[in-house]
């Protein structure tokens, strides 16, 4: 399964960082679901940055993360993305896709900066399954297809 997922991501030209820093900012409806996902991120060696609400939930569940300020307080999130200080963004939708909403601005910044941005926790889970299968990162795709 992980091989097929890897091929799907590769065909979509999605660069999948196996290590590094991830910015996590999820809607209230997704806060409980992000806990096991964040736990897997930690196990795989990803460092988590999270906005206040998400950080609070993660910390209450024993997960370390660096808290970052929301866009209505500073541009810290956009700076992290635009200066390539994060390797991945997880940002789930709240209400609509209006340009003035934080999530919209975060997704645009990620897209313009070439930082992969996942808006679905199912996709994040699939990504983590691919990362977890370390052999996929060690063996070139063309070699796998020859087997």
C-alpha atoms as a PDB file:
ATOM      1  CA  UNK A   1       0.000   0.000   0.000  1.00  0.00           C
ATOM      2  CA  UNK A   2       2.776   2.457   0.911  1.00  0.00           C
ATOM      3  CA  UNK A   3       4.451   1.825  -2.461  1.00  0.00           C
ATOM      4  CA  UNK A   4       1.277   2.751  -4.321  1.00  0.00           C
ATOM      5  CA  UNK A   5       0.836   5.859  -2.191  1.00  0.00           C
ATOM      6  CA  UNK A   6       4.430   6.866  -2.845  1.00  0.00           C
ATOM      7  CA  UNK A   7       3.933   6.471  -6.580  1.00  0.00           C
ATOM      8  CA  UNK A   8       0.765   8.565  -6.378  1.00  0.00           C
ATOM      9  CA  UNK A   9       2.546  11.371  -4.552  1.00  0.00           C
ATOM     10  CA  UNK A  10       5.517  11.148  -6.949  1.00  0.00           C
ATOM     11  CA  UNK A  11       3.228  11.273  -9.999  1.00  0.00           C
ATOM     12  CA  UNK A  12       1.646  14.412  -8.546  1.00  0.00           C
ATOM     13  CA  UNK A  13       5.117  15.978  -8.217  1.00  0.00           C
ATOM     14  CA  UNK A  14       4.618  16.321  -4.460  1.00  0.00           C
ATOM     15  CA  UNK A  15       7.951  16.558  -2.658  1.00  0.00           C
ATOM     16  CA  UNK A  16       7.591  14.581   0.562  1.00  0.00           C
ATOM     17  CA  UNK A  17       9.964  15.582   3.339  1.00  0.00           C
ATOM     18  CA  UNK A  18      10.790  12.628   5.564  1.00  0.00           C
ATOM     19  CA  UNK A  19      12.347  14.844   8.241  1.00  0.00           C
ATOM     20  CA  UNK A  20      12.094  18.464   9.217  1.00  0.00           C
ATOM     21  CA  UNK A  21       9.484  20.841  10.528  1.00  0.00           C
ATOM     22  CA  UNK A  22       5.745  20.825  10.023  1.00  0.00           C
ATOM     23  CA  UNK A  23       3.288  23.638  10.681  1.00  0.00           C
ATOM     24  CA  UNK A  24       0.000  22.264  12.008  1.00  0.00           C
ATOM     25  CA  UNK A  25      -3.077  24.443  12.275  1.00  0.00           C
ATOM     26  CA  UNK A  26      -6.387  22.612  12.216  1.00  0.00           C
ATOM     27  CA  UNK A  27     -10.040  23.529  12.603  1.00  0.00           C
ATOM     28  CA  UNK A  28     -11.727  22.832  15.936  1.00  0.00           C
ATOM     29  CA  UNK A  29     -13.606  19.912  14.378  1.00  0.00           C
ATOM     30  CA  UNK A  30     -10.239  18.245  13.619  1.00  0.00           C
ATOM     31  CA  UNK A  31      -8.452  18.836  16.940  1.00  0.00           C
ATOM     32  CA  UNK A  32      -9.044  15.351  18.383  1.00  0.00           C
ATOM     33  CA  UNK A  33      -8.216  13.615  15.107  1.00  0.00           C
ATOM     34  CA  UNK A  34      -4.857  15.408  14.829  1.00  0.00           C
ATOM     35  CA  UNK A  35      -3.592  13.921  18.138  1.00  0.00           C
ATOM     36  CA  UNK A  36      -2.618  10.434  16.849  1.00  0.00           C
ATOM     37  CA  UNK A  37      -1.368  11.992  13.605  1.00  0.00           C
ATOM     38  CA  UNK A  38       0.894  14.380  15.538  1.00  0.00           C
ATOM     39  CA  UNK A  39       2.061  11.471  17.688  1.00  0.00           C
ATOM     40  CA  UNK A  40       3.125   9.639  14.504  1.00  0.00           C
ATOM     41  CA  UNK A  41       4.878  12.804  13.288  1.00  0.00           C
ATOM     42  CA  UNK A  42       6.927  12.849  16.492  1.00  0.00           C
ATOM     43  CA  UNK A  43       7.763   9.155  16.135  1.00  0.00           C
ATOM     44  CA  UNK A  44       9.037   9.835  12.623  1.00  0.00           C
ATOM     45  CA  UNK A  45      11.197  12.745  13.777  1.00  0.00           C
ATOM     46  CA  UNK A  46       9.143  15.657  12.491  1.00  0.00           C
ATOM     47  CA  UNK A  47       9.254  18.796  14.625  1.00  0.00           C
ATOM     48  CA  UNK A  48       5.832  20.409  15.066  1.00  0.00           C
ATOM     49  CA  UNK A  49       4.916  24.072  15.055  1.00  0.00           C
ATOM     50  CA  UNK A  50       1.266  24.722  15.907  1.00  0.00           C
ATOM     51  CA  UNK A  51      -1.096  27.632  16.405  1.00  0.00           C
ATOM     52  CA  UNK A  52      -2.402  28.247  19.927  1.00  0.00           C
ATOM     53  CA  UNK A  53      -5.567  26.132  19.836  1.00  0.00           C
ATOM     54  CA  UNK A  54      -3.896  23.216  18.119  1.00  0.00           C
ATOM     55  CA  UNK A  55      -0.809  23.515  20.347  1.00  0.00           C
ATOM     56  CA  UNK A  56      -2.973  23.470  23.478  1.00  0.00           C
ATOM     57  CA  UNK A  57      -4.680  20.220  22.427  1.00  0.00           C
ATOM     58  CA  UNK A  58      -1.379  18.591  21.494  1.00  0.00           C
ATOM     59  CA  UNK A  59       0.335  19.646  24.731  1.00  0.00           C
ATOM     60  CA  UNK A  60      -2.642  18.493  26.826  1.00  0.00           C
ATOM     61  CA  UNK A  61      -2.105  15.084  25.239  1.00  0.00           C
ATOM     62  CA  UNK A  62       1.607  14.938  26.017  1.00  0.00           C
ATOM     63  CA  UNK A  63       2.928  16.057  22.645  1.00  0.00           C
ATOM     64  CA  UNK A  64       5.673  18.660  22.410  1.00  0.00           C
ATOM     65  CA  UNK A  65       5.246  21.438  19.873  1.00  0.00           C
ATOM     66  CA  UNK A  66       6.446  24.971  19.309  1.00  0.00           C
ATOM     67  CA  UNK A  67       3.545  27.415  19.546  1.00  0.00           C
ATOM     68  CA  UNK A  68       3.301  30.083  16.841  1.00  0.00           C
ATOM     69  CA  UNK A  69       1.058  33.133  16.840  1.00  0.00           C
ATOM     70  CA  UNK A  70      -2.022  33.336  14.670  1.00  0.00           C
ATOM     71  CA  UNK A  71      -2.099  35.663  11.684  1.00  0.00           C
ATOM     72  CA  UNK A  72      -4.362  38.166  13.423  1.00  0.00           C
ATOM     73  CA  UNK A  73      -1.515  38.703  15.937  1.00  0.00           C
ATOM     74  CA  UNK A  74       1.586  38.619  13.704  1.00  0.00           C
ATOM     75  CA  UNK A  75       3.001  37.369  10.420  1.00  0.00           C
ATOM     76  CA  UNK A  76       5.082  34.668  12.134  1.00  0.00           C
ATOM     77  CA  UNK A  77       3.300  31.844  10.300  1.00  0.00           C
ATOM     78  CA  UNK A  78       3.738  33.442   6.889  1.00  0.00           C
ATOM     79  CA  UNK A  79       7.387  34.200   7.680  1.00  0.00           C
ATOM     80  CA  UNK A  80       8.030  30.544   8.608  1.00  0.00           C
ATOM     81  CA  UNK A  81       6.505  29.396   5.323  1.00  0.00           C
ATOM     82  CA  UNK A  82       7.950  32.048   3.029  1.00  0.00           C
ATOM     83  CA  UNK A  83      11.451  31.724   4.505  1.00  0.00           C
ATOM     84  CA  UNK A  84      11.326  27.920   4.085  1.00  0.00           C
ATOM     85  CA  UNK A  85      11.632  27.331   7.817  1.00  0.00           C
ATOM     86  CA  UNK A  86       8.918  24.666   7.630  1.00  0.00           C
ATOM     87  CA  UNK A  87       8.950  21.702   5.264  1.00  0.00           C
ATOM     88  CA  UNK A  88       5.264  20.837   5.358  1.00  0.00           C
ATOM     89  CA  UNK A  89       1.962  22.527   6.244  1.00  0.00           C
ATOM     90  CA  UNK A  90      -1.164  20.846   7.596  1.00  0.00           C
ATOM     91  CA  UNK A  91      -4.092  23.265   7.477  1.00  0.00           C
ATOM     92  CA  UNK A  92      -7.675  22.034   7.521  1.00  0.00           C
ATOM     93  CA  UNK A  93     -10.586  24.134   6.324  1.00  0.00           C
ATOM     94  CA  UNK A  94     -12.756  26.077   8.729  1.00  0.00           C
ATOM     95  CA  UNK A  95     -15.534  28.021   7.023  1.00  0.00           C
ATOM     96  CA  UNK A  96     -15.326  28.687   3.315  1.00  0.00           C
ATOM     97  CA  UNK A  97     -12.418  29.807   1.186  1.00  0.00           C
ATOM     98  CA  UNK A  98     -12.509  33.574   1.618  1.00  0.00           C
ATOM     99  CA  UNK A  99      -9.169  35.319   0.941  1.00  0.00           C
ATOM    100  CA  UNK A 100      -9.302  37.201   4.269  1.00  0.00           C
ATOM    101  CA  UNK A 101      -9.353  33.979   6.345  1.00  0.00           C
ATOM    102  CA  UNK A 102      -6.101  32.799   7.959  1.00  0.00           C
ATOM    103  CA  UNK A 103      -6.271  29.338   6.406  1.00  0.00           C
ATOM    104  CA  UNK A 104      -6.626  30.755   2.921  1.00  0.00           C
ATOM    105  CA  UNK A 105      -3.584  32.985   3.426  1.00  0.00           C
ATOM    106  CA  UNK A 106      -1.568  30.077   4.854  1.00  0.00           C
ATOM    107  CA  UNK A 107      -2.425  27.808   1.918  1.00  0.00           C
ATOM    108  CA  UNK A 108      -1.563  30.509  -0.627  1.00  0.00           C
ATOM    109  CA  UNK A 109       1.790  31.191   1.089  1.00  0.00           C
ATOM    110  CA  UNK A 110       2.600  27.469   1.087  1.00  0.00           C
ATOM    111  CA  UNK A 111       1.688  27.119  -2.574  1.00  0.00           C
ATOM    112  CA  UNK A 112       3.699  30.178  -3.616  1.00  0.00           C
ATOM    113  CA  UNK A 113       6.699  29.021  -1.552  1.00  0.00           C
ATOM    114  CA  UNK A 114       6.661  25.447  -2.836  1.00  0.00           C
ATOM    115  CA  UNK A 115       5.904  23.989   0.599  1.00  0.00           C
ATOM    116  CA  UNK A 116       3.610  20.943   0.467  1.00  0.00           C
ATOM    117  CA  UNK A 117       0.291  21.737   2.130  1.00  0.00           C
ATOM    118  CA  UNK A 118      -2.233  19.118   3.188  1.00  0.00           C
ATOM    119  CA  UNK A 119      -5.817  20.181   3.855  1.00  0.00           C
ATOM    120  CA  UNK A 120      -7.167  16.720   4.636  1.00  0.00           C
ATOM    121  CA  UNK A 121      -6.106  14.640   7.617  1.00  0.00           C
ATOM    122  CA  UNK A 122      -6.676  11.481   5.556  1.00  0.00           C
ATOM    123  CA  UNK A 123      -3.994  12.687   3.144  1.00  0.00           C
ATOM    124  CA  UNK A 124      -1.639  13.473   6.034  1.00  0.00           C
ATOM    125  CA  UNK A 125      -2.168   9.946   7.355  1.00  0.00           C
ATOM    126  CA  UNK A 126      -1.359   8.506   3.905  1.00  0.00           C
ATOM    127  CA  UNK A 127       1.757  10.694   3.707  1.00  0.00           C
ATOM    128  CA  UNK A 128       2.933   9.445   7.105  1.00  0.00           C
ATOM    129  CA  UNK A 129       2.456   5.826   5.974  1.00  0.00           C
ATOM    130  CA  UNK A 130       4.752   6.528   3.037  1.00  0.00           C
ATOM    131  CA  UNK A 131       7.352   8.209   5.245  1.00  0.00           C
ATOM    132  CA  UNK A 132       7.187   5.341   7.713  1.00  0.00           C
ATOM    133  CA  UNK A 133       8.214   2.846   5.050  1.00  0.00           C
ATOM    134  CA  UNK A 134      11.870   3.897   5.051  1.00  0.00           C
ATOM    135  CA  UNK A 135      12.815   1.536   2.222  1.00  0.00           C
ATOM    136  CA  UNK A 136      10.911   3.712  -0.202  1.00  0.00           C
ATOM    137  CA  UNK A 137      13.287   6.563   0.570  1.00  0.00           C
ATOM    138  CA  UNK A 138      16.370   4.417   0.117  1.00  0.00           C
ATOM    139  CA  UNK A 139      15.467   2.645  -3.121  1.00  0.00           C
ATOM    140  CA  UNK A 140      14.874   4.608  -6.344  1.00  0.00           C
ATOM    141  CA  UNK A 141      11.380   4.320  -7.799  1.00  0.00           C
ATOM    142  CA  UNK A 142      12.618   2.979 -11.148  1.00  0.00           C
ATOM    143  CA  UNK A 143      14.360   0.097  -9.352  1.00  0.00           C
ATOM    144  CA  UNK A 144      11.167  -0.797  -7.478  1.00  0.00           C
ATOM    145  CA  UNK A 145       9.239  -0.968 -10.744  1.00  0.00           C
ATOM    146  CA  UNK A 146      11.824  -3.373 -12.195  1.00  0.00           C
ATOM    147  CA  UNK A 147      11.128  -5.870  -9.380  1.00  0.00           C
END
